[in-house]
Amino acid sequence: MTKPTQFSQTLRAWMDAFMHRSMRGWSHFAKSTGLSMPQFSILMQLHHKGPCGMSAIGERFDISAAAASQLVEKLVQAGYLERAEDPTDRRAKLLTLSAKGNELIKQGIEERYRWMDDLVLTLSAEDQRKTADALEILTKAAQQLDEKKQSL
């Protein structure tokens, strides 16, 4: 493996700081709700990927059907998830976020990014502009890399 350049080291340092703060925000928020991180992760998956069946939960999190069922049951009992008959397979159940689950995720997202709002306030208008320009370039490059990999 080649030695990282100064640019790469700077990106890695930012990524480490960002991930640490982001995950700490999620963890604190999840704990404040009484949910475990696996339970909170299931809610986030449903938020980002939409409704799914129980088997998809097990596959996405690499857990047994029994473990997935236990996690989901607690979320249903707490009112964060709803189970309905899958219209494509009457034997299966489709899991969706309830209104309460959607609200919880919305609050979690706000909490997760709160530190970023505080960070922005420490930057001058010029530094905000430069940072936004640089992040736009990185975001586009990452999207192009993803598109290239998906087309292979």
Protein backbone atom coordinates (compact mmCIF):
# COMPACT_ATOMS: atom_id res chain seq x y z
CA MET A 1 0.00 0.00 0.00
CA THR A 2 1.31 3.42 -0.91
CA LYS A 3 1.87 6.12 1.67
CA PRO A 4 -1.11 8.49 1.85
CA THR A 5 -0.54 11.99 0.52
CA GLN A 6 -1.05 15.05 2.70
CA PHE A 7 -4.41 15.56 0.96
CA SER A 8 -5.46 11.98 1.69
CA GLN A 9 -4.33 12.30 5.31
CA THR A 10 -6.38 15.48 5.67
CA LEU A 11 -9.46 13.76 4.23
CA ARG A 12 -8.96 10.80 6.55
CA ALA A 13 -8.65 13.08 9.57
CA TRP A 14 -11.89 14.86 8.61
CA MET A 15 -13.64 11.54 8.00
CA ASP A 16 -12.52 10.24 11.40
CA ALA A 17 -13.72 13.40 13.17
CA PHE A 18 -16.99 13.42 11.24
CA MET A 19 -17.75 9.74 11.84
CA HIS A 20 -16.85 9.97 15.53
CA ARG A 21 -19.16 12.94 16.09
CA SER A 22 -21.90 11.52 13.91
CA MET A 23 -21.91 8.08 15.54
CA ARG A 24 -21.66 9.60 19.02
CA GLY A 25 -24.72 11.71 18.21
CA TRP A 26 -26.66 8.63 17.06
CA SER A 27 -25.60 6.62 20.06
CA HIS A 28 -26.60 9.29 22.56
CA PHE A 29 -29.91 9.85 20.83
CA ALA A 30 -30.70 6.13 20.64
CA LYS A 31 -29.87 5.68 24.32
CA SER A 32 -32.07 8.65 25.25
CA THR A 33 -35.02 6.91 23.56
CA GLY A 34 -34.39 3.61 25.32
CA LEU A 35 -33.69 1.85 22.01
CA SER A 36 -30.63 -0.25 21.33
CA MET A 37 -28.40 0.65 18.39
CA PRO A 38 -29.62 -2.43 16.44
CA GLN A 39 -33.24 -1.32 16.96
CA PHE A 40 -32.42 2.23 15.94
CA SER A 41 -30.52 0.90 12.91
CA ILE A 42 -33.60 -1.03 11.78
CA LEU A 43 -35.64 2.17 11.92
CA MET A 44 -32.98 3.99 9.92
CA GLN A 45 -32.88 1.25 7.28
CA LEU A 46 -36.64 1.45 6.85
CA HIS A 47 -36.39 5.24 6.65
CA HIS A 48 -33.73 5.12 3.93
CA LYS A 49 -34.74 2.01 1.99
CA GLY A 50 -38.48 1.89 2.55
CA PRO A 51 -40.74 -0.94 3.67
CA CYS A 52 -39.37 -4.46 3.70
CA GLY A 53 -40.07 -7.94 4.94
CA MET A 54 -38.66 -9.65 8.00
CA SER A 55 -36.19 -11.69 5.96
CA ALA A 56 -34.68 -8.49 4.54
CA ILE A 57 -34.05 -7.25 8.08
CA GLY A 58 -32.17 -10.45 8.89
CA GLU A 59 -30.16 -10.21 5.67
CA ARG A 60 -29.34 -6.49 6.02
CA PHE A 61 -28.08 -6.92 9.57
CA ASP A 62 -26.70 -10.45 9.18
CA ILE A 63 -28.76 -11.79 12.07
CA SER A 64 -30.96 -14.84 12.46
CA ALA A 65 -34.67 -14.72 11.74
CA ALA A 66 -35.35 -15.18 15.46
CA ALA A 67 -33.11 -12.23 16.41
CA ALA A 68 -34.70 -10.05 13.73
CA SER A 69 -38.15 -11.05 14.95
CA GLN A 70 -37.32 -10.11 18.55
CA LEU A 71 -35.93 -6.69 17.56
CA VAL A 72 -38.89 -5.97 15.31
CA GLU A 73 -41.44 -7.11 17.88
CA LYS A 74 -40.11 -4.61 20.42
CA LEU A 75 -40.31 -1.83 17.82
CA VAL A 76 -43.89 -2.80 16.90
CA GLN A 77 -44.90 -2.93 20.58
CA ALA A 78 -43.35 0.53 21.13
CA GLY A 79 -45.35 1.88 18.18
CA TYR A 80 -42.37 2.69 15.94
CA LEU A 81 -43.14 0.04 13.30
CA GLU A 82 -46.24 -1.31 11.69
CA ARG A 83 -46.69 -4.80 10.24
CA ALA A 84 -49.05 -5.42 7.38
CA GLU A 85 -49.74 -8.24 4.98
CA ASP A 86 -47.33 -8.15 2.04
CA PRO A 87 -49.48 -7.59 -1.07
CA THR A 88 -47.12 -9.76 -3.14
CA ASP A 89 -47.03 -12.65 -0.64
CA ARG A 90 -49.95 -13.06 1.76
CA ARG A 91 -47.87 -15.33 4.01
CA ALA A 92 -45.28 -12.62 4.64
CA LYS A 93 -45.46 -9.40 6.63
CA LEU A 94 -44.28 -6.03 5.38
CA LEU A 95 -42.65 -3.69 7.88
CA THR A 96 -43.08 0.08 7.65
CA LEU A 97 -42.27 3.01 9.90
CA SER A 98 -45.26 4.33 11.79
CA ALA A 99 -45.89 8.06 12.20
CA LYS A 100 -44.23 7.76 15.63
CA GLY A 101 -41.24 6.01 14.03
CA ASN A 102 -40.93 8.68 11.34
CA GLU A 103 -40.99 11.41 13.99
CA LEU A 104 -38.32 9.64 16.01
CA ILE A 105 -36.06 9.37 12.96
CA LYS A 106 -36.64 13.04 12.14
CA GLN A 107 -35.59 13.98 15.68
CA GLY A 108 -32.57 11.69 15.45
CA ILE A 109 -31.43 13.25 12.19
CA GLU A 110 -31.76 16.74 13.68
CA GLU A 111 -29.74 15.66 16.71
CA ARG A 112 -27.12 13.97 14.56
CA TYR A 113 -26.44 17.15 12.62
CA ARG A 114 -26.74 19.62 15.51
CA TRP A 115 -22.99 19.62 16.08
CA MET A 116 -22.47 20.53 12.44
CA ASP A 117 -24.65 23.61 12.88
CA ASP A 118 -22.42 24.59 15.81
CA LEU A 119 -19.30 23.92 13.72
CA VAL A 120 -20.53 26.14 10.90
CA LEU A 121 -20.90 29.04 13.34
CA THR A 122 -17.16 28.86 14.08
CA LEU A 123 -16.25 29.39 10.39
CA SER A 124 -16.00 32.73 8.64
CA ALA A 125 -18.20 33.34 5.60
CA GLU A 126 -15.14 32.89 3.38
CA ASP A 127 -14.19 29.57 5.01
CA GLN A 128 -17.79 28.39 4.69
CA ARG A 129 -17.72 29.18 0.95
CA LYS A 130 -14.37 27.45 0.41
CA THR A 131 -15.46 24.41 2.38
CA ALA A 132 -18.76 24.19 0.51
CA ASP A 133 -16.91 24.35 -2.83
CA ALA A 134 -14.47 21.63 -1.77
CA LEU A 135 -17.24 19.38 -0.45
CA GLU A 136 -19.20 19.79 -3.68
CA ILE A 137 -16.16 18.62 -5.63
CA LEU A 138 -15.70 15.62 -3.32
CA THR A 139 -19.39 14.72 -3.41
CA LYS A 140 -19.47 14.77 -7.22
CA ALA A 141 -16.29 12.69 -7.41
CA ALA A 142 -17.73 10.14 -4.96
CA GLN A 143 -20.99 9.93 -6.94
CA GLN A 144 -19.07 9.42 -10.19
CA LEU A 145 -16.98 6.69 -8.58
CA ASP A 146 -20.13 4.96 -7.34
CA GLU A 147 -21.77 5.23 -10.77
CA LYS A 148 -18.66 3.81 -12.42
CA LYS A 149 -18.59 0.84 -10.01
CA GLN A 150 -22.32 0.17 -10.48
CA SER A 151 -21.92 0.05 -14.25
CA LEU A 152 -19.25 -2.67 -14.05
